[in-house]
Amino acid sequence: MDLSRTRILIVGAGQAGARAAEALRDAGHCGSITLLGEEQHPPYERPQLSKAMLINADEEPRFIRTSQDWAAIDIELGTSSPTVAIDVNRRAIGLSDGREIAFDRLLLATGTRPRRLRDLENCGLRVCYLRCIDDALELRRSLVQGSKVVLVGGGVIGLEVASAAIARGCEVTVLEKAERLLPQVGSPTLSAYLERLHSDRGVAICCNVSISGATAKGIALSDGRTIPADLVVVGVGVEPAVDLARQAGLKVDQGIRINSSGMTDIDGIYAAGDVAEQWSGWHGRWMRVENWANAQNQAIATARSMVGQDNSYAAPPWFWSDQFEANIQVIGHPGGADEIVRGDVARGRFTTISLRDGEVAGAVTVSSPKDMALLRRLAASRKRVNPSDMANPAFDLKQALAS
């Protein structure tokens, strides 16, 4: 089969699907490329939803390309086109409107859905989830001065929405089930810093609590308190959209299981982005990597694999978060390792480096982008480093790369 002329179908028109489509053309693919998405909007990147679009009342959504630009590179974009069936034997998918589209190679970039809290449904409170442009626009309209906003979940989404709500004059409470904020990162130093950062800006932080009930007046907590609320925003993680994958008979656990080239266990079918379960050498387990960098770079590598190029992907996970004036970046997996702190935590400009067996297993920077640029390279290199050098604020991290 001439892979350069195969019919390629991409189900999921988010960041991963869009970047894969672009990469296919950049790699010289001459065959048809069809990109299908459920939303009415052209593909876009999601970080803007919990950042600029919430803070700025006149911020317009930014799209990766317009519909006309997709047509200009001969990619057929189908918006408002939910895929409801896959026939692996016939190599065809079925759409909700009854249409059928044939393919030679298929990329599933179906992403995730917000995990819902059933206890908050039909309780009389206004409850929001943040996943798409329409969610962000609705939430922005609700963040009015003086409103009592409760964020359920002290992860990245909850904390970014909290900082946006404070900027818009709301009264904000964050509820976190774990003992500290941002528990998934595993950095005690970062968690303590974020609690102080948000508390100093007026956010009420409630950790180590769970929801015991809810009424139209507010949320009842396991410690006996009731938190008044005009609006509740839930950010307690996501679930992979794997209905099509299961229907096709693909191996699915926490997501669609793939190898380092993005291939599933069925020939000609690939997966990319948040829905893909891949091996993480930094975590030592199979997992879904839910961040902007993976949605872009793993999808690009997978697209090249689809047209016969040898492109395995094994980059360390990396993400960033903007909260108030702080820019937070995380590489690798800082949890469960020895944490070294460089810089001034009190002033909000510092770096933590987590070492495991002498290697940089993970790192966090707060408003220290130059450090992160070097630490991303150190983590990817898997070089062994000297702990005393890492702990010395005068030590130039470039020297560790050169050694």
Protein backbone atom coordinates (compact mmCIF):
# COMPACT_ATOMS: atom_id res chain seq x y z
CA MET A 1 0.00 0.00 0.00
CA ASP A 2 1.26 3.47 -0.90
CA LEU A 3 0.88 5.14 2.49
CA SER A 4 1.24 8.61 0.98
CA ARG A 5 -2.12 8.22 -0.79
CA THR A 6 -4.20 6.40 1.82
CA ARG A 7 -7.54 7.77 2.99
CA ILE A 8 -6.97 9.05 6.52
CA LEU A 9 -9.84 9.80 8.84
CA ILE A 10 -9.41 11.66 12.14
CA VAL A 11 -12.23 11.43 14.67
CA GLY A 12 -11.90 14.30 17.12
CA ALA A 13 -11.24 17.87 15.99
CA GLY A 14 -9.56 19.19 19.11
CA GLN A 15 -5.92 20.17 19.39
CA ALA A 16 -4.58 16.62 18.92
CA GLY A 17 -6.70 15.88 15.85
CA ALA A 18 -5.94 19.25 14.28
CA ARG A 19 -2.19 19.08 14.84
CA ALA A 20 -2.14 15.54 13.48
CA ALA A 21 -3.96 16.66 10.33
CA GLU A 22 -1.46 19.47 9.77
CA ALA A 23 1.47 17.10 10.39
CA LEU A 24 0.15 14.64 7.80
CA ARG A 25 0.23 17.32 5.11
CA ASP A 26 3.64 18.56 6.31
CA ALA A 27 4.92 14.97 5.99
CA GLY A 28 3.91 14.90 2.34
CA HIS A 29 0.71 12.90 2.57
CA CYS A 30 -1.19 13.26 -0.70
CA GLY A 31 -4.30 11.22 0.07
CA SER A 32 -7.55 12.49 1.50
CA ILE A 33 -7.66 13.71 5.12
CA THR A 34 -10.98 14.13 6.86
CA LEU A 35 -11.17 15.77 10.30
CA LEU A 36 -14.43 15.28 12.19
CA GLY A 37 -15.51 17.01 15.39
CA GLU A 38 -18.63 17.16 17.53
CA GLU A 39 -18.46 20.88 18.27
CA GLN A 40 -19.76 23.57 15.95
CA HIS A 41 -16.44 25.43 16.18
CA PRO A 42 -13.24 24.84 14.16
CA PRO A 43 -10.38 23.23 16.15
CA TYR A 44 -8.87 25.24 18.97
CA GLU A 45 -6.51 24.82 21.93
CA ARG A 46 -8.11 24.52 25.37
CA PRO A 47 -5.74 26.43 27.73
CA GLN A 48 -7.40 29.73 26.76
CA LEU A 49 -10.71 28.52 28.22
CA SER A 50 -9.59 28.75 31.86
CA LYS A 51 -7.23 31.68 31.37
CA ALA A 52 -7.72 34.67 29.05
CA MET A 53 -11.30 33.92 28.05
CA LEU A 54 -12.49 33.96 31.67
CA ILE A 55 -10.50 36.99 32.80
CA ASN A 56 -11.11 39.30 29.84
CA ALA A 57 -14.76 40.05 29.09
CA ASP A 58 -14.05 40.84 25.43
CA GLU A 59 -11.58 38.00 24.72
CA GLU A 60 -12.60 36.11 21.57
CA PRO A 61 -11.83 32.40 21.06
CA ARG A 62 -8.67 31.75 19.06
CA PHE A 63 -8.84 28.95 16.50
CA ILE A 64 -5.94 26.91 15.13
CA ARG A 65 -7.18 27.64 11.60
CA THR A 66 -10.40 28.94 10.11
CA SER A 67 -12.61 26.62 8.08
CA GLN A 68 -11.29 28.32 4.94
CA ASP A 69 -7.69 27.73 6.01
CA TRP A 70 -8.38 24.01 6.48
CA ALA A 71 -9.81 23.84 2.99
CA ALA A 72 -6.72 25.64 1.65
CA ILE A 73 -4.50 22.70 2.71
CA ASP A 74 -7.04 20.21 1.32
CA ILE A 75 -8.30 18.93 4.65
CA GLU A 76 -12.02 18.27 4.83
CA LEU A 77 -13.27 19.61 8.16
CA GLY A 78 -16.59 18.37 9.46
CA THR A 79 -17.88 20.32 12.47
CA SER A 80 -21.07 19.34 14.31
CA SER A 81 -20.36 15.80 13.09
CA PRO A 82 -20.58 13.28 15.95
CA THR A 83 -19.26 9.82 15.07
CA VAL A 84 -21.51 7.08 16.45
CA ALA A 85 -20.15 3.82 14.96
CA ILE A 86 -17.01 2.13 13.68
CA ASP A 87 -16.99 -0.89 11.37
CA VAL A 88 -13.44 -2.20 11.60
CA ASN A 89 -13.90 -4.94 8.99
CA ARG A 90 -15.39 -2.61 6.38
CA ARG A 91 -13.07 0.25 7.38
CA ALA A 92 -15.86 2.80 7.75
CA ILE A 93 -17.37 5.06 10.40
CA GLY A 94 -20.97 6.13 10.79
CA LEU A 95 -22.09 9.65 11.68
CA SER A 96 -25.15 10.67 13.70
CA ASP A 97 -26.81 12.05 10.56
CA GLY A 98 -26.63 8.67 8.84
CA ARG A 99 -23.64 9.34 6.62
CA GLU A 100 -20.81 6.81 6.31
CA ILE A 101 -17.16 7.60 5.60
CA ALA A 102 -14.60 5.02 4.52
CA PHE A 103 -10.97 5.07 5.62
CA ASP A 104 -7.70 3.22 5.17
CA ARG A 105 -6.18 4.55 8.39
CA LEU A 106 -8.01 5.96 11.37
CA LEU A 107 -6.84 8.26 14.17
CA LEU A 108 -8.98 8.45 17.30
CA ALA A 109 -8.47 11.79 19.04
CA THR A 110 -11.77 11.80 20.90
CA GLY A 111 -10.40 13.43 24.05
CA THR A 112 -12.15 13.40 27.41
CA ARG A 113 -15.32 14.48 29.18
CA PRO A 114 -15.50 16.20 32.58
CA ARG A 115 -16.17 13.83 35.45
CA ARG A 116 -19.57 14.78 36.82
CA LEU A 117 -20.66 14.96 40.45
CA ARG A 118 -24.09 13.38 40.66
CA ASP A 119 -24.56 14.65 44.23
CA LEU A 120 -24.77 18.20 42.87
CA GLU A 121 -27.36 17.50 40.21
CA ASN A 122 -30.93 18.69 40.83
CA CYS A 123 -29.98 20.29 44.15
CA GLY A 124 -31.05 23.79 43.16
CA LEU A 125 -27.51 25.15 42.74
CA ARG A 126 -26.15 26.38 39.44
CA VAL A 127 -23.38 23.92 38.52
CA CYS A 128 -20.89 24.41 35.67
CA TYR A 129 -18.24 22.24 34.04
CA LEU A 130 -15.47 23.67 31.87
CA ARG A 131 -14.46 21.74 28.76
CA CYS A 132 -15.38 23.67 25.60
CA ILE A 133 -15.73 27.21 24.26
CA ASP A 134 -19.44 27.35 25.00
CA ASP A 135 -18.76 26.31 28.62
CA ALA A 136 -16.17 29.09 28.96
CA LEU A 137 -18.47 31.74 27.52
CA GLU A 138 -21.31 30.70 29.83
CA LEU A 139 -19.02 30.67 32.85
CA ARG A 140 -17.59 34.09 31.98
CA ARG A 141 -21.09 35.57 31.92
CA SER A 142 -21.67 34.11 35.40
CA LEU A 143 -18.52 35.52 37.01
CA VAL A 144 -20.08 38.79 38.11
CA GLN A 145 -18.82 40.98 40.90
CA GLY A 146 -19.99 39.88 44.33
CA SER A 147 -21.06 36.38 43.28
CA LYS A 148 -20.20 33.55 45.64
CA VAL A 149 -18.29 31.01 43.53
CA VAL A 150 -17.31 27.59 44.85
CA LEU A 151 -14.68 25.55 43.00
CA VAL A 152 -14.89 21.82 43.64
CA GLY A 153 -11.38 20.52 43.01
CA GLY A 154 -8.05 22.15 43.81
CA GLY A 155 -6.26 21.05 40.66
CA VAL A 156 -5.13 23.17 37.73
CA ILE A 157 -8.61 23.96 36.39
CA GLY A 158 -10.03 24.81 39.80
CA LEU A 159 -7.14 27.11 40.68
CA GLU A 160 -7.09 28.87 37.32
CA VAL A 161 -10.83 29.50 37.50
CA ALA A 162 -10.39 30.70 41.08
CA SER A 163 -7.82 33.28 40.03
CA ALA A 164 -10.05 34.44 37.15
CA ALA A 165 -13.07 34.70 39.47
CA ILE A 166 -11.11 36.81 41.95
CA ALA A 167 -10.01 39.09 39.07
CA ARG A 168 -13.68 39.57 38.22
CA GLY A 169 -14.62 40.52 41.78
CA CYS A 170 -16.19 37.28 42.98
CA GLU A 171 -16.04 35.73 46.44
CA VAL A 172 -14.25 32.42 45.94
CA THR A 173 -13.93 29.16 47.87
CA VAL A 174 -11.89 26.15 46.71
CA LEU A 175 -12.77 22.68 48.00
CA GLU A 176 -10.16 19.93 47.73
CA LYS A 177 -10.62 16.35 48.89
CA ALA A 178 -6.87 15.76 49.31
CA GLU A 179 -4.73 17.21 52.09
CA ARG A 180 -3.24 19.88 49.84
CA LEU A 181 -3.79 21.75 46.59
CA LEU A 182 -2.61 20.37 43.26
CA PRO A 183 -2.08 16.90 44.75
CA GLN A 184 -1.48 15.24 41.37
CA VAL A 185 1.83 17.11 40.92
CA GLY A 186 3.28 15.71 44.14
CA SER A 187 5.33 18.76 45.15
CA PRO A 188 4.75 19.79 48.79
CA THR A 189 6.58 23.07 48.17
CA LEU A 190 4.35 24.01 45.24
CA SER A 191 1.18 23.04 47.10
CA ALA A 192 2.10 25.20 50.11
CA TYR A 193 3.03 28.11 47.86
CA LEU A 194 -0.26 27.95 45.96
CA GLU A 195 -2.29 27.84 49.17
CA ARG A 196 -0.56 31.00 50.35
CA LEU A 197 -0.82 32.68 46.92
CA HIS A 198 -4.57 32.12 46.71
CA SER A 199 -5.28 32.86 50.36
CA ASP A 200 -3.43 36.17 50.11
CA ARG A 201 -5.72 37.12 47.17
CA GLY A 202 -8.86 36.35 49.15
CA VAL A 203 -9.58 32.75 48.13
CA ALA A 204 -10.91 30.56 50.96
CA ILE A 205 -9.10 27.20 50.80
CA CYS A 206 -10.73 24.10 52.28
CA CYS A 207 -8.57 20.97 51.97
CA ASN A 208 -9.15 17.47 53.30
CA VAL A 209 -12.93 17.86 52.97
CA SER A 210 -15.60 16.13 50.93
CA ILE A 211 -19.16 17.08 49.99
CA SER A 212 -21.84 15.56 52.20
CA GLY A 213 -24.82 17.28 50.57
CA ALA A 214 -26.06 20.32 48.70
CA THR A 215 -29.13 22.56 48.62
CA ALA A 216 -30.04 25.72 46.77
CA LYS A 217 -28.32 27.67 49.56
CA GLY A 218 -24.92 26.01 49.37
CA ILE A 219 -22.70 22.98 49.81
CA ALA A 220 -22.52 20.96 53.03
CA LEU A 221 -19.07 19.62 53.89
CA SER A 222 -17.94 16.53 55.74
CA ASP A 223 -16.57 18.69 58.59
CA GLY A 224 -20.01 20.17 59.30
CA ARG A 225 -19.62 23.50 57.54
CA THR A 226 -21.93 24.80 54.81
CA ILE A 227 -20.42 26.97 52.09
CA PRO A 228 -22.87 29.47 50.53
CA ALA A 229 -22.81 29.45 46.73
CA ASP A 230 -24.38 31.29 43.81
CA LEU A 231 -22.34 29.22 41.36
CA VAL A 232 -20.43 25.94 41.62
CA VAL A 233 -17.68 25.04 39.15
CA VAL A 234 -16.66 21.38 39.18
CA GLY A 235 -13.11 20.41 38.22
CA VAL A 236 -12.53 16.92 39.60
CA GLY A 237 -10.86 15.34 36.61
CA VAL A 238 -12.01 13.85 33.33
CA GLU A 239 -13.01 10.55 31.79
CA PRO A 240 -11.73 9.35 28.40
CA ALA A 241 -14.21 9.29 25.52
CA VAL A 242 -13.69 5.62 24.61
CA ASP A 243 -17.14 4.51 23.48
CA LEU A 244 -16.05 4.18 19.85
CA ALA A 245 -12.83 2.43 20.84
CA ARG A 246 -14.70 -0.18 22.88
CA GLN A 247 -17.14 -0.70 20.04
CA ALA A 248 -14.22 -1.32 17.69
CA GLY A 249 -12.72 -3.90 20.07
CA LEU A 250 -9.62 -1.88 20.90
CA LYS A 251 -7.72 -2.45 24.14
CA VAL A 252 -9.04 0.08 26.62
CA ASP A 253 -8.11 0.52 30.27
CA GLN A 254 -7.68 4.11 31.46
CA GLY A 255 -7.77 5.15 27.81
CA ILE A 256 -7.01 3.68 24.40
CA ARG A 257 -3.78 1.70 24.83
CA ILE A 258 -1.09 2.66 22.29
CA ASN A 259 2.59 1.99 21.71
CA SER A 260 5.24 4.72 21.39
CA SER A 261 4.23 5.26 17.74
CA GLY A 262 0.58 5.84 18.58
CA MET A 263 -0.57 2.46 17.22
CA THR A 264 -3.39 0.55 18.87
CA ASP A 265 -3.69 -3.24 18.84
CA ILE A 266 -5.70 -3.14 15.58
CA ASP A 267 -3.72 -2.55 12.41
CA GLY A 268 -4.33 0.83 10.82
CA ILE A 269 -5.98 2.39 13.88
CA TYR A 270 -4.13 4.94 16.01
CA ALA A 271 -4.94 7.17 18.98
CA ALA A 272 -3.57 10.52 20.15
CA GLY A 273 -4.05 13.18 22.77
CA ASP A 274 -5.92 12.99 26.07
CA VAL A 275 -7.73 9.75 25.16
CA ALA A 276 -4.52 7.78 24.53
CA GLU A 277 -3.05 5.63 27.28
CA GLN A 278 0.72 5.51 26.89
CA TRP A 279 3.68 4.30 28.91
CA SER A 280 5.30 7.01 31.04
CA GLY A 281 8.86 6.26 32.04
CA TRP A 282 8.67 9.17 34.51
CA HIS A 283 5.70 7.70 36.35
CA GLY A 284 6.60 4.05 35.75
CA ARG A 285 3.11 3.12 34.61
CA TRP A 286 0.56 3.28 31.82
CA MET A 287 -1.42 6.51 31.92
CA ARG A 288 -3.17 9.18 29.97
CA VAL A 289 -1.17 12.41 29.64
CA GLU A 290 -3.62 15.29 29.75
CA ASN A 291 -1.82 18.44 28.75
CA TRP A 292 -1.29 20.85 25.87
CA ALA A 293 2.22 19.64 24.99
CA ASN A 294 1.20 16.00 24.70
CA ALA A 295 -1.91 16.84 22.69
CA GLN A 296 0.32 18.60 20.19
CA ASN A 297 3.59 16.70 20.11
CA GLN A 298 2.38 13.14 20.58
CA ALA A 299 -0.26 13.75 17.91
CA ILE A 300 2.37 15.05 15.47
CA ALA A 301 4.60 12.03 16.09
CA THR A 302 1.64 9.69 15.60
CA ALA A 303 0.67 11.37 12.34
CA ARG A 304 4.15 10.79 10.97
CA SER A 305 3.96 7.15 12.02
CA MET A 306 0.69 6.81 10.10
CA VAL A 307 2.47 7.64 6.86
CA GLY A 308 5.39 5.28 7.42
CA GLN A 309 7.90 7.49 9.19
CA ASP A 310 9.67 6.08 12.25
CA ASN A 311 8.49 8.42 15.00
CA SER A 312 8.32 7.06 18.50
CA TYR A 313 7.27 9.52 21.20
CA ALA A 314 8.65 9.44 24.73
CA ALA A 315 8.94 13.07 25.84
CA PRO A 316 8.56 13.85 29.55
CA PRO A 317 5.14 15.29 30.47
CA TRP A 318 5.15 19.10 30.69
CA PHE A 319 2.47 21.65 31.42
CA TRP A 320 2.05 25.20 32.61
CA SER A 321 -0.52 27.17 34.55
CA ASP A 322 -1.01 30.92 34.98
CA GLN A 323 -2.52 31.90 38.33
CA PHE A 324 -2.63 35.57 39.31
CA GLU A 325 0.86 36.90 38.51
CA ALA A 326 2.54 33.48 38.83
CA ASN A 327 3.59 31.32 35.91
CA ILE A 328 3.88 27.70 37.05
CA GLN A 329 5.56 25.02 34.93
CA VAL A 330 5.92 21.34 35.72
CA ILE A 331 8.09 18.75 33.96
CA GLY A 332 8.15 15.00 34.53
CA HIS A 333 6.78 13.58 37.77
CA PRO A 334 7.95 15.41 40.91
CA GLY A 335 5.99 13.16 43.28
CA GLY A 336 7.63 10.41 45.31
CA ALA A 337 11.15 11.79 44.90
CA ASP A 338 13.62 13.85 46.90
CA GLU A 339 12.72 17.52 46.39
CA ILE A 340 15.39 20.21 46.26
CA VAL A 341 14.35 23.87 46.43
CA ARG A 342 16.26 26.66 44.69
CA GLY A 343 15.33 30.33 44.84
CA ASP A 344 13.02 32.34 47.06
CA VAL A 345 9.66 30.67 47.73
CA ALA A 346 8.43 33.60 49.83
CA ARG A 347 8.91 36.01 46.94
CA GLY A 348 7.25 33.70 44.44
CA ARG A 349 10.25 33.03 42.22
CA PHE A 350 11.72 29.58 42.75
CA THR A 351 12.48 26.14 41.34
CA THR A 352 12.10 22.67 42.82
CA ILE A 353 14.02 19.71 41.42
CA SER A 354 12.93 16.17 42.26
CA LEU A 355 15.63 13.51 42.05
CA ARG A 356 15.03 9.78 41.79
CA ASP A 357 18.06 7.45 41.59
CA GLY A 358 20.23 10.44 40.73
CA GLU A 359 18.12 11.55 37.75
CA VAL A 360 15.85 14.56 37.38
CA ALA A 361 12.50 12.80 37.69
CA GLY A 362 10.54 16.04 37.78
CA ALA A 363 10.78 19.74 38.43
CA VAL A 364 8.61 22.76 39.13
CA THR A 365 9.35 26.38 38.33
CA VAL A 366 7.41 29.38 39.53
CA SER A 367 8.09 32.47 37.41
CA SER A 368 11.49 31.01 36.46
CA PRO A 369 11.14 30.11 32.77
CA LYS A 370 14.89 30.01 32.10
CA ASP A 371 15.32 27.26 34.68
CA MET A 372 12.49 25.27 33.11
CA ALA A 373 14.02 25.47 29.64
CA LEU A 374 17.12 23.72 31.01
CA LEU A 375 15.26 21.30 33.25
CA ARG A 376 13.14 20.07 30.35
CA ARG A 377 16.34 19.10 28.58
CA LEU A 378 17.82 17.53 31.71
CA ALA A 379 14.72 15.44 32.33
CA ALA A 380 14.59 14.25 28.73
CA SER A 381 18.29 13.33 28.75
CA ARG A 382 17.91 11.07 31.83
CA LYS A 383 21.36 12.20 32.93
CA ARG A 384 22.49 11.57 36.49
CA VAL A 385 23.20 14.79 38.38
CA ASN A 386 24.94 15.78 41.62
CA PRO A 387 22.33 16.61 44.31
CA SER A 388 24.61 19.15 45.98
CA ASP A 389 24.99 20.98 42.65
CA MET A 390 21.22 21.07 42.19
CA ALA A 391 20.77 22.48 45.71
CA ASN A 392 23.32 25.24 45.13
CA PRO A 393 21.49 28.36 43.82
CA ALA A 394 24.77 29.61 42.35
CA PHE A 395 25.22 26.46 40.25
CA ASP A 396 24.50 27.00 36.57
CA LEU A 397 22.14 24.25 35.38
CA LYS A 398 23.80 24.40 31.97
CA GLN A 399 26.83 22.71 33.53
CA ALA A 400 24.73 19.66 34.42
CA LEU A 401 23.72 19.34 30.78
CA ALA A 402 27.30 19.64 29.60
CA SER A 403 28.75 17.06 32.00
